[in-house]
Amino acid sequence: MFQEDWVMRQIESIVDFLTVAILGKKSARMENHDIQKESGDGSMDRLSLQLVRMIREKRLHEAENLLFDQMKPRDEQSLAAAVDFYSRLNLLDDKTLESCHFSRAEISDGLRRASGMFGISLGVLFPPAQGEKDG
């Protein structure tokens, strides 16, 4: 239980860091109206909305796969979509995550992987917990 709480707080810290320091925003989670304003071509808008829908449908692994299929390296809109996605997953309770066969360590790993695609290594600022990958 303690480790899960620590991982949850670590994820919140990573989300806050990426949101403020890298993306220059005040809030990590984008609301639907914010999502629709984010990108010029609409591709990340549609992706973010689709990810939100998939989270509601409890299709977390499928949503994560879609996210990484659509992410573009060093693209700020891609990173923003990933931060929003993992922030929303971190808000899910442990029972929901467990029923979807998804863990907080996977949330942290995903954030680290997305950050790596943007050229940011989080390992120094946010060392991984036991069971997490360093990225």
Protein backbone atom coordinates (compact mmCIF):
# COMPACT_ATOMS: atom_id res chain seq x y z
CA MET A 1 0.00 0.00 0.00
CA PHE A 2 2.77 2.46 0.92
CA GLN A 3 4.64 1.85 -2.34
CA GLU A 4 1.46 2.36 -4.40
CA ASP A 5 0.85 5.69 -2.62
CA TRP A 6 4.47 6.70 -3.25
CA VAL A 7 4.17 5.81 -6.94
CA MET A 8 0.90 7.75 -7.18
CA ARG A 9 2.54 10.85 -5.67
CA GLN A 10 5.58 10.38 -7.92
CA ILE A 11 3.30 10.29 -10.98
CA GLU A 12 1.59 13.49 -9.82
CA SER A 13 5.00 15.14 -9.45
CA ILE A 14 6.08 14.04 -12.93
CA VAL A 15 2.81 15.29 -14.43
CA ASP A 16 3.19 18.64 -12.64
CA PHE A 17 6.81 18.99 -13.77
CA LEU A 18 6.06 18.18 -17.41
CA THR A 19 2.99 20.42 -17.44
CA VAL A 20 4.61 23.50 -15.95
CA ALA A 21 8.29 23.27 -16.89
CA ILE A 22 8.05 21.67 -20.32
CA LEU A 23 4.59 22.45 -21.67
CA GLY A 24 4.27 25.85 -19.96
CA LYS A 25 0.73 25.23 -18.75
CA LYS A 26 -0.94 25.68 -15.38
CA SER A 27 -3.02 22.49 -15.30
CA ALA A 28 -2.15 18.98 -16.40
CA ARG A 29 -5.60 17.79 -17.38
CA MET A 30 -7.18 19.22 -20.47
CA GLU A 31 -10.92 19.49 -20.52
CA ASN A 32 -12.76 18.64 -23.73
CA HIS A 33 -13.03 22.29 -24.79
CA ASP A 34 -9.28 22.74 -24.19
CA ILE A 35 -8.47 19.63 -26.19
CA GLN A 36 -10.32 21.04 -29.18
CA LYS A 37 -8.18 24.21 -29.10
CA GLU A 38 -4.81 22.48 -28.78
CA SER A 39 -3.73 21.45 -32.25
CA GLY A 40 -3.96 23.06 -35.63
CA ASP A 41 -4.63 19.94 -37.68
CA GLY A 42 -7.03 18.35 -35.21
CA SER A 43 -5.20 15.00 -35.06
CA MET A 44 -4.21 15.29 -31.40
CA ASP A 45 -7.67 16.68 -30.60
CA ARG A 46 -9.25 13.52 -31.91
CA LEU A 47 -6.66 11.34 -30.22
CA SER A 48 -7.14 12.99 -26.81
CA LEU A 49 -10.91 12.68 -27.08
CA GLN A 50 -10.60 9.06 -28.15
CA LEU A 51 -8.27 8.30 -25.22
CA VAL A 52 -10.74 9.84 -22.77
CA ARG A 53 -13.51 7.69 -24.24
CA MET A 54 -11.36 4.56 -24.02
CA ILE A 55 -10.55 5.30 -20.38
CA ARG A 56 -14.28 5.55 -19.64
CA GLU A 57 -14.73 2.21 -21.42
CA LYS A 58 -11.92 0.72 -19.29
CA ARG A 59 -9.81 -0.10 -22.38
CA LEU A 60 -6.58 1.15 -20.83
CA HIS A 61 -4.01 -1.05 -22.56
CA GLU A 62 -5.63 -0.48 -25.93
CA ALA A 63 -5.66 3.28 -25.27
CA GLU A 64 -2.00 3.27 -24.30
CA ASN A 65 -1.10 1.38 -27.47
CA LEU A 66 -3.06 3.90 -29.54
CA LEU A 67 -1.30 6.79 -27.79
CA PHE A 68 2.16 5.49 -28.65
CA ASP A 69 1.12 4.57 -32.19
CA GLN A 70 0.04 8.18 -32.73
CA MET A 71 2.80 9.99 -30.79
CA LYS A 72 5.37 11.93 -32.76
CA PRO A 73 8.89 12.28 -31.29
CA ARG A 74 9.69 15.73 -29.88
CA ASP A 75 6.14 16.92 -30.58
CA GLU A 76 4.72 19.08 -27.79
CA GLN A 77 1.11 18.20 -28.61
CA SER A 78 1.95 14.50 -28.40
CA LEU A 79 3.57 15.00 -25.02
CA ALA A 80 0.57 17.03 -23.83
CA ALA A 81 -1.78 14.20 -24.89
CA ALA A 82 0.39 11.67 -23.04
CA VAL A 83 0.57 13.78 -19.88
CA ASP A 84 -3.20 14.24 -19.93
CA PHE A 85 -3.77 10.51 -20.54
CA TYR A 86 -1.52 9.35 -17.71
CA SER A 87 -2.82 12.04 -15.36
CA ARG A 88 -6.35 10.74 -15.94
CA LEU A 89 -5.22 7.14 -15.37
CA ASN A 90 -3.54 8.12 -12.12
CA LEU A 91 -6.88 9.50 -10.88
CA LEU A 92 -8.49 6.06 -11.23
CA ASP A 93 -8.80 4.12 -8.00
CA ASP A 94 -6.70 1.03 -7.38
CA LYS A 95 -9.68 -1.31 -7.80
CA THR A 96 -10.44 0.06 -11.28
CA LEU A 97 -6.80 -0.16 -12.34
CA GLU A 98 -6.59 -3.71 -11.03
CA SER A 99 -9.77 -4.75 -12.85
CA CYS A 100 -8.20 -3.39 -16.07
CA HIS A 101 -4.92 -5.22 -15.36
CA PHE A 102 -3.07 -1.90 -15.25
CA SER A 103 -0.73 -0.72 -12.50
CA ARG A 104 0.59 2.59 -11.24
CA ALA A 105 4.06 1.38 -12.21
CA GLU A 106 2.78 1.09 -15.80
CA ILE A 107 1.47 4.66 -15.59
CA SER A 108 4.87 5.87 -14.41
CA ASP A 109 6.66 3.80 -17.06
CA GLY A 110 4.42 5.26 -19.76
CA LEU A 111 5.11 8.81 -18.64
CA ARG A 112 8.82 8.11 -18.67
CA ARG A 113 8.62 6.57 -22.14
CA ALA A 114 6.59 9.51 -23.51
CA SER A 115 9.04 11.97 -21.96
CA GLY A 116 11.91 10.07 -23.53
CA MET A 117 10.29 10.51 -26.94
CA PHE A 118 10.30 14.24 -26.23
CA GLY A 119 14.01 14.06 -25.30
CA ILE A 120 13.54 14.27 -21.54
CA SER A 121 15.02 11.70 -19.19
CA LEU A 122 13.20 11.75 -15.87
CA GLY A 123 15.54 9.32 -14.10
CA VAL A 124 17.61 11.97 -12.31
CA LEU A 125 14.68 14.08 -11.09
CA PHE A 126 12.31 11.20 -10.42
CA PRO A 127 14.13 7.93 -9.73
CA PRO A 128 11.98 4.90 -10.55
CA ALA A 129 10.48 2.85 -7.76
CA GLN A 130 11.04 -0.86 -7.49
CA GLY A 131 9.26 -2.52 -10.43
CA GLU A 132 9.45 0.54 -12.67
CA LYS A 133 11.72 0.89 -15.67
CA ASP A 134 14.30 3.65 -15.70
CA GLY A 135 13.58 6.02 -18.56
